[in-house]
Amino acid sequence: MIMSEKDLDFEISFYERLLEKKPDFIEALIALGDAYSKKGWFEKGLAVDKKLVQLRPADPIIHYNLACDYSLLKVPNLSFYSLEKALQLGYDDFEFMTEDPDLRFIREDKRFKELVGKYKAPADSV
């Protein structure tokens, strides 16, 4: 579902206010980071995901989202580092990864196919 600009602004405001009271509320941080990305505020999304990595260092989805942030900001080395960390921690939705528009920038890099090939079962190759 595509949100209107007004709804997205409301959502951002809601989660920001909520986090003023509970700054380590994981679900609110995840929702806020997603809303920032939808708004095109990639630097703010990156800041949220960096905080989430501190709060949940073993969560593969949070590392995956961090890889997306860096890709959107066109920082390939940090994106690959975060993506590999996500894969090491068990992220395995390779189909989504190969189509995720947030990773478009790093998919053009030969390292992407090499990295995915390192973790993906041979029968499922990219």
N, C-alpha and C. Protein backbone atom coordinates (compact mmCIF):
# COMPACT_ATOMS: atom_id res chain seq x y z
N MET A 1 0.84 -1.18 0.00
CA MET A 1 0.00 0.00 0.00
C MET A 1 0.89 1.25 0.00
N ILE A 2 0.60 2.15 -0.90
CA ILE A 2 1.35 3.39 -0.98
C ILE A 2 0.66 4.43 -0.10
N MET A 3 1.45 5.02 0.78
CA MET A 3 0.90 6.02 1.71
C MET A 3 0.91 7.39 1.06
N SER A 4 -0.07 8.19 1.44
CA SER A 4 -0.05 9.57 0.99
C SER A 4 1.05 10.30 1.76
N GLU A 5 1.48 11.41 1.24
CA GLU A 5 2.51 12.22 1.90
C GLU A 5 2.04 12.64 3.30
N LYS A 6 0.77 12.99 3.40
CA LYS A 6 0.21 13.41 4.68
C LYS A 6 0.24 12.26 5.70
N ASP A 7 -0.15 11.05 5.26
CA ASP A 7 -0.13 9.89 6.14
C ASP A 7 1.30 9.55 6.57
N LEU A 8 2.22 9.66 5.64
CA LEU A 8 3.62 9.37 5.95
C LEU A 8 4.17 10.37 6.96
N ASP A 9 3.84 11.63 6.77
CA ASP A 9 4.26 12.66 7.73
C ASP A 9 3.67 12.40 9.11
N PHE A 10 2.40 11.99 9.15
CA PHE A 10 1.76 11.68 10.43
C PHE A 10 2.47 10.50 11.10
N GLU A 11 2.76 9.46 10.32
CA GLU A 11 3.43 8.28 10.86
C GLU A 11 4.80 8.65 11.43
N ILE A 12 5.56 9.43 10.71
CA ILE A 12 6.88 9.86 11.19
C ILE A 12 6.75 10.63 12.49
N SER A 13 5.84 11.58 12.51
CA SER A 13 5.62 12.38 13.71
C SER A 13 5.21 11.51 14.89
N PHE A 14 4.32 10.56 14.65
CA PHE A 14 3.85 9.66 15.70
C PHE A 14 5.01 8.87 16.30
N TYR A 15 5.81 8.25 15.45
CA TYR A 15 6.92 7.43 15.96
C TYR A 15 8.01 8.28 16.61
N GLU A 16 8.27 9.44 16.08
CA GLU A 16 9.27 10.32 16.71
C GLU A 16 8.82 10.69 18.12
N ARG A 17 7.54 11.04 18.28
CA ARG A 17 7.03 11.39 19.62
C ARG A 17 7.08 10.19 20.56
N LEU A 18 6.71 9.04 20.06
CA LEU A 18 6.74 7.82 20.86
C LEU A 18 8.16 7.52 21.33
N LEU A 19 9.12 7.71 20.45
CA LEU A 19 10.51 7.41 20.78
C LEU A 19 11.13 8.44 21.72
N GLU A 20 10.54 9.62 21.81
CA GLU A 20 11.00 10.58 22.82
C GLU A 20 10.77 10.02 24.22
N LYS A 21 9.70 9.25 24.38
CA LYS A 21 9.36 8.66 25.68
C LYS A 21 10.03 7.31 25.90
N LYS A 22 10.17 6.53 24.82
CA LYS A 22 10.78 5.20 24.90
C LYS A 22 11.80 5.06 23.78
N PRO A 23 13.00 5.62 23.94
CA PRO A 23 13.99 5.66 22.85
C PRO A 23 14.50 4.30 22.36
N ASP A 24 14.31 3.24 23.13
CA ASP A 24 14.78 1.92 22.71
C ASP A 24 13.63 0.99 22.31
N PHE A 25 12.49 1.56 21.95
CA PHE A 25 11.32 0.78 21.53
C PHE A 25 11.60 0.25 20.12
N ILE A 26 12.01 -1.01 20.05
CA ILE A 26 12.48 -1.63 18.81
C ILE A 26 11.46 -1.50 17.67
N GLU A 27 10.23 -1.90 17.90
CA GLU A 27 9.23 -1.89 16.83
C GLU A 27 8.99 -0.48 16.30
N ALA A 28 9.01 0.51 17.19
CA ALA A 28 8.83 1.90 16.75
C ALA A 28 10.03 2.37 15.93
N LEU A 29 11.22 1.95 16.34
CA LEU A 29 12.42 2.32 15.58
C LEU A 29 12.38 1.70 14.19
N ILE A 30 11.98 0.44 14.10
CA ILE A 30 11.89 -0.22 12.80
C ILE A 30 10.89 0.51 11.91
N ALA A 31 9.73 0.82 12.44
CA ALA A 31 8.69 1.52 11.67
C ALA A 31 9.17 2.91 11.25
N LEU A 32 9.85 3.61 12.14
CA LEU A 32 10.34 4.95 11.82
C LEU A 32 11.41 4.89 10.73
N GLY A 33 12.33 3.95 10.85
CA GLY A 33 13.36 3.80 9.82
C GLY A 33 12.76 3.54 8.45
N ASP A 34 11.73 2.69 8.42
CA ASP A 34 11.04 2.40 7.17
C ASP A 34 10.34 3.64 6.63
N ALA A 35 9.70 4.39 7.50
CA ALA A 35 9.00 5.61 7.08
C ALA A 35 10.00 6.65 6.54
N TYR A 36 11.13 6.79 7.20
CA TYR A 36 12.16 7.71 6.71
C TYR A 36 12.61 7.31 5.31
N SER A 37 12.80 6.03 5.08
CA SER A 37 13.23 5.57 3.75
C SER A 37 12.16 5.86 2.71
N LYS A 38 10.90 5.60 3.06
CA LYS A 38 9.80 5.89 2.11
C LYS A 38 9.75 7.37 1.79
N LYS A 39 10.10 8.19 2.74
CA LYS A 39 10.09 9.64 2.55
C LYS A 39 11.30 10.11 1.74
N GLY A 40 12.31 9.22 1.61
CA GLY A 40 13.53 9.59 0.90
C GLY A 40 14.58 10.20 1.82
N TRP A 41 14.36 10.08 3.12
CA TRP A 41 15.30 10.61 4.10
C TRP A 41 16.26 9.50 4.51
N PHE A 42 17.15 9.16 3.59
CA PHE A 42 18.01 8.00 3.77
C PHE A 42 19.02 8.16 4.90
N GLU A 43 19.51 9.36 5.11
CA GLU A 43 20.47 9.60 6.21
C GLU A 43 19.78 9.36 7.56
N LYS A 44 18.54 9.81 7.69
CA LYS A 44 17.80 9.58 8.93
C LYS A 44 17.51 8.09 9.12
N GLY A 45 17.17 7.43 8.04
CA GLY A 45 16.95 5.98 8.11
C GLY A 45 18.20 5.25 8.53
N LEU A 46 19.34 5.69 8.01
CA LEU A 46 20.62 5.10 8.38
C LEU A 46 20.88 5.27 9.87
N ALA A 47 20.62 6.44 10.40
CA ALA A 47 20.84 6.70 11.83
C ALA A 47 19.98 5.77 12.69
N VAL A 48 18.75 5.57 12.28
CA VAL A 48 17.86 4.68 13.03
C VAL A 48 18.38 3.25 12.96
N ASP A 49 18.78 2.80 11.77
CA ASP A 49 19.25 1.42 11.64
C ASP A 49 20.58 1.19 12.37
N LYS A 50 21.41 2.22 12.45
CA LYS A 50 22.64 2.08 13.24
C LYS A 50 22.30 1.88 14.71
N LYS A 51 21.29 2.59 15.18
CA LYS A 51 20.86 2.42 16.57
C LYS A 51 20.29 1.01 16.78
N LEU A 52 19.50 0.55 15.82
CA LEU A 52 18.93 -0.79 15.91
C LEU A 52 20.00 -1.87 15.95
N VAL A 53 21.07 -1.69 15.18
CA VAL A 53 22.18 -2.66 15.19
C VAL A 53 22.81 -2.72 16.58
N GLN A 54 22.88 -1.57 17.25
CA GLN A 54 23.42 -1.55 18.61
C GLN A 54 22.49 -2.30 19.57
N LEU A 55 21.18 -2.14 19.37
CA LEU A 55 20.21 -2.77 20.26
C LEU A 55 20.01 -4.26 19.97
N ARG A 56 20.14 -4.63 18.71
CA ARG A 56 19.95 -6.03 18.29
C ARG A 56 21.06 -6.45 17.32
N PRO A 57 22.27 -6.63 17.83
CA PRO A 57 23.41 -6.91 16.96
C PRO A 57 23.34 -8.25 16.23
N ALA A 58 22.51 -9.18 16.68
CA ALA A 58 22.44 -10.49 16.04
C ALA A 58 21.21 -10.65 15.15
N ASP A 59 20.52 -9.56 14.84
CA ASP A 59 19.32 -9.63 14.02
C ASP A 59 19.69 -9.45 12.55
N PRO A 60 19.53 -10.51 11.74
CA PRO A 60 19.94 -10.42 10.33
C PRO A 60 19.13 -9.40 9.52
N ILE A 61 17.87 -9.20 9.85
CA ILE A 61 17.04 -8.26 9.08
C ILE A 61 17.50 -6.82 9.33
N ILE A 62 17.90 -6.53 10.53
CA ILE A 62 18.39 -5.18 10.82
C ILE A 62 19.68 -4.91 10.06
N HIS A 63 20.56 -5.90 9.99
CA HIS A 63 21.79 -5.73 9.20
C HIS A 63 21.46 -5.61 7.70
N TYR A 64 20.47 -6.36 7.25
CA TYR A 64 20.02 -6.25 5.86
C TYR A 64 19.52 -4.83 5.58
N ASN A 65 18.71 -4.30 6.49
CA ASN A 65 18.20 -2.94 6.31
C ASN A 65 19.33 -1.92 6.30
N LEU A 66 20.35 -2.15 7.11
CA LEU A 66 21.52 -1.27 7.11
C LEU A 66 22.22 -1.33 5.75
N ALA A 67 22.32 -2.52 5.17
CA ALA A 67 22.91 -2.67 3.84
C ALA A 67 22.10 -1.87 2.81
N CYS A 68 20.78 -1.90 2.96
CA CYS A 68 19.91 -1.14 2.06
C CYS A 68 20.16 0.36 2.21
N ASP A 69 20.29 0.82 3.45
CA ASP A 69 20.57 2.24 3.69
C ASP A 69 21.84 2.67 2.97
N TYR A 70 22.89 1.90 3.16
CA TYR A 70 24.17 2.26 2.53
C TYR A 70 24.09 2.19 1.01
N SER A 71 23.34 1.25 0.48
CA SER A 71 23.17 1.18 -0.96
C SER A 71 22.42 2.40 -1.48
N LEU A 72 21.35 2.79 -0.79
CA LEU A 72 20.58 3.98 -1.18
C LEU A 72 21.43 5.24 -1.13
N LEU A 73 22.39 5.26 -0.20
CA LEU A 73 23.29 6.42 -0.07
C LEU A 73 24.54 6.28 -0.95
N LYS A 74 24.58 5.19 -1.72
CA LYS A 74 25.69 4.92 -2.65
C LYS A 74 27.04 4.81 -1.94
N VAL A 75 27.03 4.01 -0.87
CA VAL A 75 28.24 3.70 -0.10
C VAL A 75 28.43 2.18 -0.20
N PRO A 76 29.01 1.72 -1.32
CA PRO A 76 29.03 0.28 -1.58
C PRO A 76 29.80 -0.57 -0.57
N ASN A 77 30.96 -0.13 -0.13
CA ASN A 77 31.75 -0.98 0.77
C ASN A 77 31.01 -1.27 2.07
N LEU A 78 30.40 -0.25 2.65
CA LEU A 78 29.64 -0.46 3.89
C LEU A 78 28.35 -1.25 3.62
N SER A 79 27.79 -1.08 2.45
CA SER A 79 26.61 -1.86 2.11
C SER A 79 26.97 -3.34 2.00
N PHE A 80 28.07 -3.65 1.33
CA PHE A 80 28.50 -5.05 1.22
C PHE A 80 28.86 -5.62 2.58
N TYR A 81 29.51 -4.84 3.41
CA TYR A 81 29.87 -5.29 4.75
C TYR A 81 28.61 -5.66 5.54
N SER A 82 27.61 -4.79 5.50
CA SER A 82 26.37 -5.02 6.24
C SER A 82 25.58 -6.19 5.66
N LEU A 83 25.58 -6.30 4.34
CA LEU A 83 24.88 -7.41 3.70
C LEU A 83 25.54 -8.74 4.06
N GLU A 84 26.85 -8.77 4.06
CA GLU A 84 27.53 -10.01 4.43
C GLU A 84 27.23 -10.37 5.89
N LYS A 85 27.19 -9.38 6.75
CA LYS A 85 26.86 -9.63 8.16
C LYS A 85 25.46 -10.21 8.25
N ALA A 86 24.52 -9.68 7.50
CA ALA A 86 23.15 -10.20 7.50
C ALA A 86 23.14 -11.66 7.04
N LEU A 87 23.90 -11.96 6.00
CA LEU A 87 23.96 -13.33 5.50
C LEU A 87 24.61 -14.26 6.53
N GLN A 88 25.67 -13.80 7.16
CA GLN A 88 26.32 -14.60 8.20
C GLN A 88 25.36 -14.92 9.35
N LEU A 89 24.49 -13.98 9.65
CA LEU A 89 23.53 -14.15 10.75
C LEU A 89 22.30 -14.95 10.33
N GLY A 90 22.22 -15.31 9.06
CA GLY A 90 21.13 -16.18 8.62
C GLY A 90 20.12 -15.58 7.66
N TYR A 91 20.32 -14.34 7.22
CA TYR A 91 19.38 -13.79 6.24
C TYR A 91 19.47 -14.65 4.99
N ASP A 92 18.32 -15.11 4.49
CA ASP A 92 18.36 -16.02 3.34
C ASP A 92 17.26 -15.81 2.31
N ASP A 93 16.67 -14.63 2.28
CA ASP A 93 15.64 -14.35 1.28
C ASP A 93 16.33 -13.83 0.02
N PHE A 94 16.98 -14.76 -0.68
CA PHE A 94 17.78 -14.39 -1.85
C PHE A 94 16.93 -13.86 -2.99
N GLU A 95 15.73 -14.39 -3.15
CA GLU A 95 14.86 -13.91 -4.22
C GLU A 95 14.53 -12.43 -4.02
N PHE A 96 14.16 -12.07 -2.79
CA PHE A 96 13.86 -10.67 -2.50
C PHE A 96 15.10 -9.80 -2.68
N MET A 97 16.23 -10.29 -2.20
CA MET A 97 17.48 -9.53 -2.27
C MET A 97 17.84 -9.19 -3.71
N THR A 98 17.60 -10.12 -4.63
CA THR A 98 17.97 -9.88 -6.02
C THR A 98 16.98 -8.97 -6.75
N GLU A 99 15.87 -8.63 -6.10
CA GLU A 99 14.88 -7.73 -6.70
C GLU A 99 14.65 -6.46 -5.90
N ASP A 100 15.15 -6.40 -4.67
CA ASP A 100 14.91 -5.27 -3.79
C ASP A 100 15.45 -3.98 -4.42
N PRO A 101 14.58 -3.00 -4.68
CA PRO A 101 15.04 -1.76 -5.31
C PRO A 101 16.06 -1.00 -4.45
N ASP A 102 16.03 -1.22 -3.14
CA ASP A 102 16.98 -0.53 -2.27
C ASP A 102 18.42 -0.99 -2.52
N LEU A 103 18.59 -2.19 -3.05
CA LEU A 103 19.93 -2.72 -3.31
C LEU A 103 20.36 -2.55 -4.77
N ARG A 104 19.57 -1.83 -5.54
CA ARG A 104 19.86 -1.67 -6.97
C ARG A 104 21.29 -1.20 -7.20
N PHE A 105 21.75 -0.25 -6.41
CA PHE A 105 23.09 0.33 -6.60
C PHE A 105 24.18 -0.74 -6.47
N ILE A 106 24.11 -1.58 -5.44
CA ILE A 106 25.19 -2.57 -5.27
C ILE A 106 25.00 -3.80 -6.15
N ARG A 107 23.79 -4.06 -6.63
CA ARG A 107 23.60 -5.20 -7.54
C ARG A 107 24.37 -5.02 -8.83
N GLU A 108 24.67 -3.78 -9.19
CA GLU A 108 25.44 -3.51 -10.41
C GLU A 108 26.93 -3.81 -10.23
N ASP A 109 27.34 -4.05 -9.01
CA ASP A 109 28.74 -4.33 -8.67
C ASP A 109 28.95 -5.85 -8.71
N LYS A 110 30.04 -6.30 -9.31
CA LYS A 110 30.29 -7.74 -9.43
C LYS A 110 30.38 -8.43 -8.07
N ARG A 111 30.70 -7.67 -7.04
CA ARG A 111 30.80 -8.25 -5.69
C ARG A 111 29.46 -8.77 -5.19
N PHE A 112 28.37 -8.20 -5.70
CA PHE A 112 27.05 -8.64 -5.26
C PHE A 112 26.83 -10.11 -5.61
N LYS A 113 27.04 -10.45 -6.85
CA LYS A 113 26.83 -11.84 -7.30
C LYS A 113 27.80 -12.77 -6.56
N GLU A 114 29.03 -12.34 -6.36
CA GLU A 114 30.00 -13.16 -5.64
C GLU A 114 29.55 -13.40 -4.21
N LEU A 115 29.08 -12.36 -3.55
CA LEU A 115 28.65 -12.47 -2.15
C LEU A 115 27.43 -13.38 -2.03
N VAL A 116 26.46 -13.18 -2.88
CA VAL A 116 25.26 -14.02 -2.84
C VAL A 116 25.64 -15.46 -3.13
N GLY A 117 26.51 -15.68 -4.11
CA GLY A 117 26.94 -17.02 -4.44
C GLY A 117 27.65 -17.73 -3.30
N LYS A 118 28.31 -16.97 -2.48
CA LYS A 118 29.04 -17.53 -1.32
C LYS A 118 28.07 -18.12 -0.29
N TYR A 119 26.86 -17.57 -0.19
CA TYR A 119 25.91 -17.99 0.85
C TYR A 119 24.71 -18.77 0.32
N LYS A 120 24.45 -18.66 -0.95
CA LYS A 120 23.27 -19.30 -1.51
C LYS A 120 23.61 -20.73 -1.95
N ALA A 121 22.66 -21.64 -1.74
CA ALA A 121 22.86 -23.02 -2.15
C ALA A 121 23.00 -23.07 -3.67
N PRO A 122 23.88 -23.93 -4.19
CA PRO A 122 24.12 -24.00 -5.64
C PRO A 122 22.86 -24.18 -6.48
N ALA A 123 21.89 -24.90 -6.01
CA ALA A 123 20.65 -25.13 -6.78
C ALA A 123 19.83 -23.86 -6.91
N ASP A 124 20.11 -22.87 -6.06
CA ASP A 124 19.35 -21.62 -6.06
C ASP A 124 20.15 -20.46 -6.63
N SER A 125 21.19 -20.71 -7.41
CA SER A 125 22.09 -19.62 -7.80
C SER A 125 21.38 -18.49 -8.53
N VAL A 126 22.00 -17.29 -8.40
CA VAL A 126 21.44 -16.04 -8.94
C VAL A 126 21.54 -16.03 -10.43
